[in-house]
Amino acid sequence: MAEQKHLLIDADSGLHVETFQIGSAENEKPWSVELRRLHGGVSEGVGVLEVRTDRVRCEILPTRGMGLWRATLDGVPLGWQSPLGNPVHPAYVPLSEPSGVGFLDGITELMFRCGLESNGAPEFNAEGRLRYPLHGRIANTPACFLAVEVNADQSIIRVTGQVAERRFLGQKLLLTTQYVIDAAQGVLQWTDTVKNIGASPATMQMLYHINLGKPFLAPGARVEAPAVRVCPRDEAAVQGGVADWAVIPQQRAEFSEQVYFLELAGDAQGRTSVVLQNAAGAAGVELGFCLRELPWFTVWKNSQSDEDGFVAGLEPGTNLPNQRSFEEGHGRVVSLPPGAQWQTQVRLRGLATEPSVREASLAAVALLNGGPTELAPDPAPGWSASA
């Protein structure tokens, strides 16, 4: 079967397909691609591109910066039960709200990107006015380009999207992302390229906020990672127990989020992996990425009640999610001369059996080559703005 290519969004030509559906013939391996629109409340108009194969299902949100709403990989359900319900249209997310945390009005995804100008905590100027909102703007910017390519013979589906973050008399950055759904491997991966399309030098930050909750996650689940050093972000993380940084704690009302900053080991090419396994060790998810582009890692634990949002986050990034000026002062921004670009690849793999969880966990920890993990008892200067 010849490769199929379908253009769904192209802002330059004014093309915007409202709904779309294709699928396999009866004599082929099952696959389908569907673009639909959500309706009702603050979800009105959100586009969802759903890709299904016999081993992979994922829902991509072109309206929300090409984020991932949820996925199932080899039968392992990935995502979380956000108290906000369905994905929120960016028009209803007040990023410029004076508090700086308007971003929280729109969090529902398995994966959203934080960036591109800034990706961490909100920052205010000396007069108390907001400079950089929580987690930046890219996750709440609709795609200006969307295309689907299907190679049924190879069981590969590619989804390409572009999201522009630009301002007159300011930076002009273009994110191009390509999701590759490989049905033969039960793997979901994406390659992101951020290009400076302006004529002036620019800087950027990127963090992938990968969020996991029920039914996969439960208290007692744990993170397996080649952690060289672990530092608590603040006093709440200290009180949570630095020695227990990898364990998901019991749920309780009014739980204060616990955040830990990590330095990870990798192989000779800088590749590393992190595994989150469920409490029984019978299922998990493996996250793979390269430390050359994403040298910092954050673990976020939010063991609140189900009603308030029980979720844990695995967050590889170009930096730690402190305020932008703090990170810039410690050299953790990416410089992009005119025409230059930054590129990385992230990979998710479902682990559906106890042996596969054990194998992936051992492989991740083995990247330490037997070395120790240093546990900082308090927020570390240079790592945490609260130190």
Protein backbone atom coordinates (compact mmCIF):
# COMPACT_ATOMS: atom_id res chain seq x y z
CA MET A 1 0.00 0.00 0.00
CA ALA A 2 1.40 3.40 -0.97
CA GLU A 3 2.11 5.96 1.71
CA GLN A 4 -0.80 8.29 2.39
CA LYS A 5 -0.30 11.98 3.18
CA HIS A 6 -3.05 14.26 4.45
CA LEU A 7 -2.80 17.99 5.20
CA LEU A 8 -5.27 19.01 7.92
CA ILE A 9 -4.19 22.49 9.04
CA ASP A 10 -2.18 25.10 7.14
CA ALA A 11 -2.58 28.63 8.46
CA ASP A 12 -0.67 30.14 5.53
CA SER A 13 -3.26 28.91 3.02
CA GLY A 14 -6.25 29.16 5.36
CA LEU A 15 -6.82 25.39 5.43
CA HIS A 16 -8.45 23.97 8.56
CA VAL A 17 -10.15 20.58 8.30
CA GLU A 18 -12.85 20.25 10.97
CA THR A 19 -13.21 16.46 10.95
CA PHE A 20 -11.27 13.70 9.26
CA GLN A 21 -11.15 9.89 9.35
CA ILE A 22 -9.17 7.18 7.60
CA GLY A 23 -8.49 3.55 8.46
CA SER A 24 -7.12 0.24 7.31
CA ALA A 25 -8.66 -2.03 4.75
CA GLU A 26 -10.08 -5.36 5.90
CA ASN A 27 -7.00 -7.32 4.81
CA GLU A 28 -4.52 -5.04 6.60
CA LYS A 29 -3.33 -4.72 10.17
CA PRO A 30 -5.88 -2.56 12.01
CA TRP A 31 -5.18 1.16 12.24
CA SER A 32 -7.17 4.38 12.14
CA VAL A 33 -6.67 8.14 12.34
CA GLU A 34 -9.53 10.44 13.30
CA LEU A 35 -9.74 14.20 13.84
CA ARG A 36 -12.74 15.31 15.88
CA ARG A 37 -13.89 18.35 17.84
CA LEU A 38 -14.91 18.50 21.47
CA HIS A 39 -18.07 20.39 22.36
CA GLY A 40 -19.52 21.89 25.50
CA GLY A 41 -18.19 24.21 28.18
CA VAL A 42 -14.55 25.26 28.10
CA SER A 43 -13.72 22.30 25.82
CA GLU A 44 -15.71 23.82 22.95
CA GLY A 45 -13.75 23.64 19.71
CA VAL A 46 -10.72 21.69 20.98
CA GLY A 47 -9.37 19.45 18.22
CA VAL A 48 -8.40 15.86 19.05
CA LEU A 49 -6.39 13.76 16.62
CA GLU A 50 -6.73 10.13 17.67
CA VAL A 51 -4.38 7.47 16.29
CA ARG A 52 -5.15 3.79 16.86
CA THR A 53 -3.22 0.64 16.04
CA ASP A 54 -3.40 -2.82 17.58
CA ARG A 55 -0.71 -1.86 20.16
CA VAL A 56 -0.81 1.94 20.38
CA ARG A 57 -3.57 4.45 20.95
CA CYS A 58 -2.90 8.15 21.47
CA GLU A 59 -4.84 11.41 21.37
CA ILE A 60 -2.93 14.50 20.21
CA LEU A 61 -4.24 18.02 20.82
CA PRO A 62 -3.36 20.40 17.95
CA THR A 63 -5.45 23.13 19.63
CA ARG A 64 -3.25 22.87 22.73
CA GLY A 65 0.30 23.13 21.44
CA MET A 66 0.37 19.56 20.05
CA GLY A 67 0.25 18.09 23.55
CA LEU A 68 -0.84 14.51 24.35
CA TRP A 69 -4.17 14.10 26.10
CA ARG A 70 -3.80 10.38 26.85
CA ALA A 71 -2.38 7.16 25.43
CA THR A 72 -2.47 3.40 25.78
CA LEU A 73 0.73 1.53 24.96
CA ASP A 74 0.61 -2.27 24.85
CA GLY A 75 -2.46 -2.17 27.06
CA VAL A 76 -0.93 0.19 29.66
CA PRO A 77 -3.22 3.24 30.11
CA LEU A 78 -1.27 6.50 30.43
CA GLY A 79 -2.73 9.80 31.55
CA TRP A 80 -4.52 11.01 34.64
CA GLN A 81 -7.95 12.02 35.88
CA SER A 82 -7.74 15.80 35.93
CA PRO A 83 -10.38 17.54 38.05
CA LEU A 84 -10.84 19.87 35.07
CA GLY A 85 -12.30 17.06 32.96
CA ASN A 86 -11.74 17.26 29.21
CA PRO A 87 -9.05 19.41 27.55
CA VAL A 88 -9.61 23.15 27.90
CA HIS A 89 -9.58 25.52 24.93
CA PRO A 90 -6.70 28.03 25.26
CA ALA A 91 -9.21 30.89 25.03
CA TYR A 92 -10.30 29.98 28.57
CA VAL A 93 -6.81 29.74 30.09
CA PRO A 94 -5.83 33.17 31.50
CA LEU A 95 -2.04 33.00 31.13
CA SER A 96 -1.66 36.72 31.84
CA GLU A 97 -3.68 36.59 35.06
CA PRO A 98 -1.83 38.72 37.69
CA SER A 99 -1.29 35.69 39.96
CA GLY A 100 0.93 34.12 37.31
CA VAL A 101 -0.70 30.70 37.69
CA GLY A 102 -3.56 30.99 35.19
CA PHE A 103 -1.94 28.01 33.43
CA LEU A 104 -3.55 25.80 36.09
CA ASP A 105 -6.96 26.50 34.55
CA GLY A 106 -6.04 24.20 31.64
CA ILE A 107 -4.06 21.18 32.89
CA THR A 108 -5.51 17.86 31.69
CA GLU A 109 -2.85 16.21 29.53
CA LEU A 110 -0.61 13.17 29.75
CA MET A 111 2.08 15.41 28.25
CA PHE A 112 2.25 19.14 27.76
CA ARG A 113 5.26 21.19 26.78
CA CYS A 114 6.50 23.98 29.01
CA GLY A 115 8.26 26.80 27.18
CA LEU A 116 9.42 28.29 24.98
CA GLU A 117 10.51 31.65 26.36
CA SER A 118 10.24 30.31 29.90
CA ASN A 119 9.08 27.01 31.39
CA GLY A 120 9.20 27.24 35.19
CA ALA A 121 7.68 29.11 38.10
CA PRO A 122 5.99 32.47 37.49
CA GLU A 123 8.23 35.52 37.80
CA PHE A 124 7.37 39.12 38.65
CA ASN A 125 9.27 42.41 38.27
CA ALA A 126 10.21 44.78 41.09
CA GLU A 127 6.76 46.42 40.89
CA GLY A 128 5.01 43.06 41.25
CA ARG A 129 3.88 42.82 37.62
CA LEU A 130 3.99 39.45 35.90
CA ARG A 131 7.01 38.92 33.63
CA TYR A 132 6.80 35.19 32.89
CA PRO A 133 3.69 33.08 33.60
CA LEU A 134 3.84 29.56 35.01
CA HIS A 135 5.19 27.08 32.43
CA GLY A 136 5.15 29.51 29.51
CA ARG A 137 2.80 29.87 26.54
CA ILE A 138 3.50 27.06 24.09
CA ALA A 139 1.03 24.54 25.59
CA ASN A 140 -1.82 27.00 25.09
CA THR A 141 -1.00 27.99 21.51
CA PRO A 142 -2.91 26.27 18.66
CA ALA A 143 -1.00 24.57 15.87
CA CYS A 144 -0.58 26.49 12.62
CA PHE A 145 0.22 23.31 10.65
CA LEU A 146 -0.92 19.68 10.97
CA ALA A 147 -0.32 16.74 8.65
CA VAL A 148 -0.65 12.95 8.84
CA GLU A 149 1.40 10.37 6.95
CA VAL A 150 0.51 6.68 6.99
CA ASN A 151 2.76 3.84 5.85
CA ALA A 152 0.58 0.81 6.44
CA ASP A 153 3.20 -1.59 5.04
CA GLN A 154 5.63 -0.57 7.79
CA SER A 155 2.90 -0.08 10.43
CA ILE A 156 4.11 3.48 11.02
CA ILE A 157 1.99 6.61 11.35
CA ARG A 158 3.59 10.07 11.52
CA VAL A 159 1.82 13.17 12.78
CA THR A 160 3.60 16.47 12.14
CA GLY A 161 2.56 19.76 13.70
CA GLN A 162 3.94 23.27 13.98
CA VAL A 163 3.30 25.82 16.72
CA ALA A 164 4.64 29.38 16.51
CA GLU A 165 5.58 31.40 19.59
CA ARG A 166 6.39 34.87 18.34
CA ARG A 167 5.92 38.50 19.21
CA PHE A 168 6.36 41.76 17.33
CA LEU A 169 9.48 43.43 18.74
CA GLY A 170 10.25 40.15 20.51
CA GLN A 171 11.37 36.58 19.96
CA LYS A 172 10.14 34.48 17.05
CA LEU A 173 10.37 30.74 17.64
CA LEU A 174 8.81 27.89 15.66
CA LEU A 175 8.23 24.46 17.20
CA THR A 176 7.97 21.58 14.74
CA THR A 177 7.00 18.26 16.30
CA GLN A 178 6.66 14.86 14.68
CA TYR A 179 5.00 12.00 16.54
CA VAL A 180 5.89 8.54 15.28
CA ILE A 181 3.51 5.75 16.19
CA ASP A 182 5.24 2.43 15.52
CA ALA A 183 2.63 -0.30 15.86
CA ALA A 184 5.20 -3.06 15.53
CA GLN A 185 7.04 -1.92 18.66
CA GLY A 186 4.23 -0.55 20.82
CA VAL A 187 6.20 2.68 21.14
CA LEU A 188 5.24 6.34 20.95
CA GLN A 189 7.98 8.85 20.28
CA TRP A 190 8.23 12.46 19.23
CA THR A 191 10.98 14.58 17.75
CA ASP A 192 10.84 18.30 18.50
CA THR A 193 12.71 21.03 16.66
CA VAL A 194 12.67 24.63 17.88
CA LYS A 195 13.98 27.12 15.32
CA ASN A 196 14.73 30.82 15.68
CA ILE A 197 12.90 32.21 12.65
CA GLY A 198 13.71 35.81 13.56
CA ALA A 199 16.69 37.93 12.51
CA SER A 200 17.85 38.55 16.10
CA PRO A 201 19.41 36.15 18.65
CA ALA A 202 16.91 34.32 20.85
CA THR A 203 16.91 32.06 23.89
CA MET A 204 14.60 29.20 24.84
CA GLN A 205 13.71 26.67 27.50
CA MET A 206 11.83 23.38 27.12
CA LEU A 207 10.40 20.97 29.68
CA TYR A 208 8.20 17.95 28.97
CA HIS A 209 5.61 17.63 31.74
CA ILE A 210 4.60 13.94 31.57
CA ASN A 211 1.72 13.29 33.97
CA LEU A 212 0.52 9.92 35.21
CA GLY A 213 -2.36 9.02 37.49
CA LYS A 214 -5.09 6.43 37.97
CA PRO A 215 -5.77 3.74 36.97
CA PHE A 216 -2.06 3.18 36.37
CA LEU A 217 -0.75 5.10 39.38
CA ALA A 218 -1.40 4.31 43.04
CA PRO A 219 0.39 4.99 46.34
CA GLY A 220 3.47 2.81 46.54
CA ALA A 221 4.37 3.21 42.87
CA ARG A 222 7.99 4.15 42.39
CA VAL A 223 10.42 5.80 40.01
CA GLU A 224 13.51 3.87 38.88
CA ALA A 225 16.16 6.24 37.54
CA PRO A 226 19.96 6.50 37.25
CA ALA A 227 20.02 9.37 39.74
CA VAL A 228 23.48 10.78 40.42
CA ARG A 229 22.11 13.48 42.70
CA VAL A 230 18.68 14.29 44.13
CA CYS A 231 17.81 17.67 45.65
CA PRO A 232 14.52 18.80 47.19
CA ARG A 233 13.06 21.94 45.64
CA ASP A 234 11.71 23.40 48.87
CA GLU A 235 10.68 22.68 52.45
CA ALA A 236 7.63 20.66 51.37
CA ALA A 237 9.93 18.25 49.54
CA VAL A 238 12.24 18.08 52.56
CA GLN A 239 9.30 17.22 54.81
CA GLY A 240 8.19 14.57 52.32
CA GLY A 241 11.48 12.76 52.87
CA VAL A 242 14.35 13.06 50.43
CA ALA A 243 15.16 9.38 50.96
CA ASP A 244 11.66 8.59 49.66
CA TRP A 245 11.89 10.82 46.59
CA ALA A 246 11.16 7.87 44.28
CA VAL A 247 8.05 6.56 46.09
CA ILE A 248 4.52 7.85 45.48
CA PRO A 249 3.07 8.65 48.93
CA GLN A 250 -0.39 7.97 50.31
CA GLN A 251 -3.16 10.26 49.16
CA ARG A 252 -4.52 12.84 51.53
CA ALA A 253 -6.55 16.01 51.33
CA GLU A 254 -4.57 19.26 51.19
CA PHE A 255 -1.39 17.42 50.18
CA SER A 256 1.45 19.87 49.45
CA GLU A 257 3.14 19.01 46.17
CA GLN A 258 6.63 17.54 46.49
CA VAL A 259 9.22 18.33 43.83
CA TYR A 260 12.70 16.84 43.49
CA PHE A 261 15.44 17.94 41.10
CA LEU A 262 17.68 15.22 39.63
CA GLU A 263 20.97 14.88 37.83
CA LEU A 264 20.92 11.65 35.82
CA ALA A 265 23.57 9.38 34.35
CA GLY A 266 23.47 8.25 30.73
CA ASP A 267 25.37 6.09 28.27
CA ALA A 268 28.28 7.20 26.09
CA GLN A 269 25.88 8.97 23.71
CA GLY A 270 24.03 10.71 26.55
CA ARG A 271 20.95 8.51 26.29
CA THR A 272 19.13 7.74 29.50
CA SER A 273 15.89 6.17 30.69
CA VAL A 274 13.50 6.48 33.62
CA VAL A 275 10.83 3.96 34.60
CA LEU A 276 7.69 4.56 36.63
CA GLN A 277 6.30 1.24 37.81
CA ASN A 278 3.00 0.62 39.54
CA ALA A 279 2.83 -0.44 43.17
CA ALA A 280 2.82 -4.15 42.29
CA GLY A 281 5.67 -3.86 39.80
CA ALA A 282 3.42 -5.55 37.26
CA ALA A 283 3.11 -2.64 34.82
CA GLY A 284 5.06 0.49 34.03
CA VAL A 285 6.11 3.11 31.54
CA GLU A 286 9.64 3.71 30.28
CA LEU A 287 10.70 7.23 29.32
CA GLY A 288 13.77 7.61 27.12
CA PHE A 289 15.57 10.82 26.12
CA CYS A 290 19.03 12.31 25.61
CA LEU A 291 20.87 14.26 28.29
CA ARG A 292 22.74 16.29 25.69
CA GLU A 293 19.55 18.21 24.91
CA LEU A 294 17.61 17.55 28.13
CA PRO A 295 20.24 17.48 30.91
CA TRP A 296 17.91 18.05 33.88
CA PHE A 297 15.10 15.98 35.36
CA THR A 298 12.29 16.76 37.79
CA VAL A 299 10.01 14.42 39.74
CA TRP A 300 6.68 15.95 40.79
CA LYS A 301 4.43 14.20 43.30
CA ASN A 302 0.89 15.44 43.92
CA SER A 303 -0.82 12.84 46.12
CA GLN A 304 -4.03 14.74 46.66
CA SER A 305 -7.50 13.20 46.69
CA ASP A 306 -8.92 11.89 43.45
CA GLU A 307 -11.32 14.84 43.39
CA ASP A 308 -8.46 17.36 43.55
CA GLY A 309 -6.10 15.56 41.15
CA PHE A 310 -3.91 12.59 42.08
CA VAL A 311 -0.93 12.71 39.72
CA ALA A 312 2.83 12.31 39.45
CA GLY A 313 5.07 13.97 36.88
CA LEU A 314 8.23 12.90 35.07
CA GLU A 315 9.83 16.01 33.60
CA PRO A 316 12.96 16.04 31.43
CA GLY A 317 14.06 19.55 30.54
CA THR A 318 16.74 21.90 29.31
CA ASN A 319 16.74 23.35 32.82
CA LEU A 320 15.12 23.10 36.23
CA PRO A 321 11.65 24.68 36.51
CA ASN A 322 12.68 27.64 38.65
CA GLN A 323 12.01 31.23 37.68
CA ARG A 324 13.46 32.20 34.32
CA SER A 325 15.98 34.78 35.65
CA PHE A 326 17.31 32.29 38.23
CA GLU A 327 17.89 29.67 35.55
CA GLU A 328 19.47 32.18 33.18
CA GLY A 329 21.81 33.28 35.96
CA HIS A 330 23.01 29.69 36.24
CA GLY A 331 23.46 29.19 32.50
CA ARG A 332 20.41 27.01 31.99
CA VAL A 333 18.93 28.57 28.86
CA VAL A 334 19.49 27.58 25.23
CA SER A 335 20.89 30.28 22.94
CA LEU A 336 19.69 30.31 19.33
CA PRO A 337 21.34 32.64 16.82
CA PRO A 338 19.17 33.67 13.84
CA GLY A 339 18.25 30.56 11.84
CA ALA A 340 19.64 28.16 14.45
CA GLN A 341 17.64 25.29 15.89
CA TRP A 342 17.49 22.94 18.86
CA GLN A 343 16.27 19.36 18.46
CA THR A 344 15.52 16.42 20.72
CA GLN A 345 13.65 13.12 20.76
CA VAL A 346 11.54 11.63 23.56
CA ARG A 347 10.25 8.06 23.69
CA LEU A 348 7.48 6.38 25.71
CA ARG A 349 7.14 2.60 25.95
CA GLY A 350 4.45 0.69 27.79
CA LEU A 351 5.59 -2.14 30.07
CA ALA A 352 2.72 -4.59 30.38
CA THR A 353 4.35 -7.47 32.28
CA GLU A 354 6.38 -7.90 35.45
CA PRO A 355 9.45 -9.21 33.54
CA SER A 356 9.42 -6.21 31.19
CA VAL A 357 9.14 -3.82 34.14
CA ARG A 358 12.02 -5.53 35.92
CA GLU A 359 14.22 -5.53 32.82
CA ALA A 360 13.61 -1.85 32.04
CA SER A 361 14.11 -0.81 35.68
CA LEU A 362 17.40 -2.68 35.97
CA ALA A 363 18.60 -1.20 32.68
CA ALA A 364 17.82 2.33 33.89
CA VAL A 365 19.61 1.94 37.21
CA ALA A 366 22.54 0.18 35.51
CA LEU A 367 23.44 3.47 33.82
CA LEU A 368 24.91 4.50 37.19
CA ASN A 369 27.61 1.83 36.69
CA GLY A 370 27.37 0.96 40.36
CA GLY A 371 27.88 4.54 41.51
CA PRO A 372 26.03 6.06 44.48
CA THR A 373 23.09 8.44 44.51
CA GLU A 374 23.79 11.61 46.49
CA LEU A 375 20.77 12.82 48.47
CA ALA A 376 20.89 16.50 49.39
CA PRO A 377 19.11 17.05 52.73
CA ASP A 378 18.01 20.60 51.85
CA PRO A 379 17.41 22.75 48.76
CA ALA A 380 20.79 23.22 47.07
CA PRO A 381 22.24 26.61 46.10
CA GLY A 382 22.37 26.89 42.33
CA TRP A 383 19.66 24.27 41.94
CA SER A 384 16.73 25.70 43.86
CA ALA A 385 15.59 29.31 44.07
CA SER A 386 14.46 28.64 47.64
CA ALA A 387 17.98 27.70 48.84
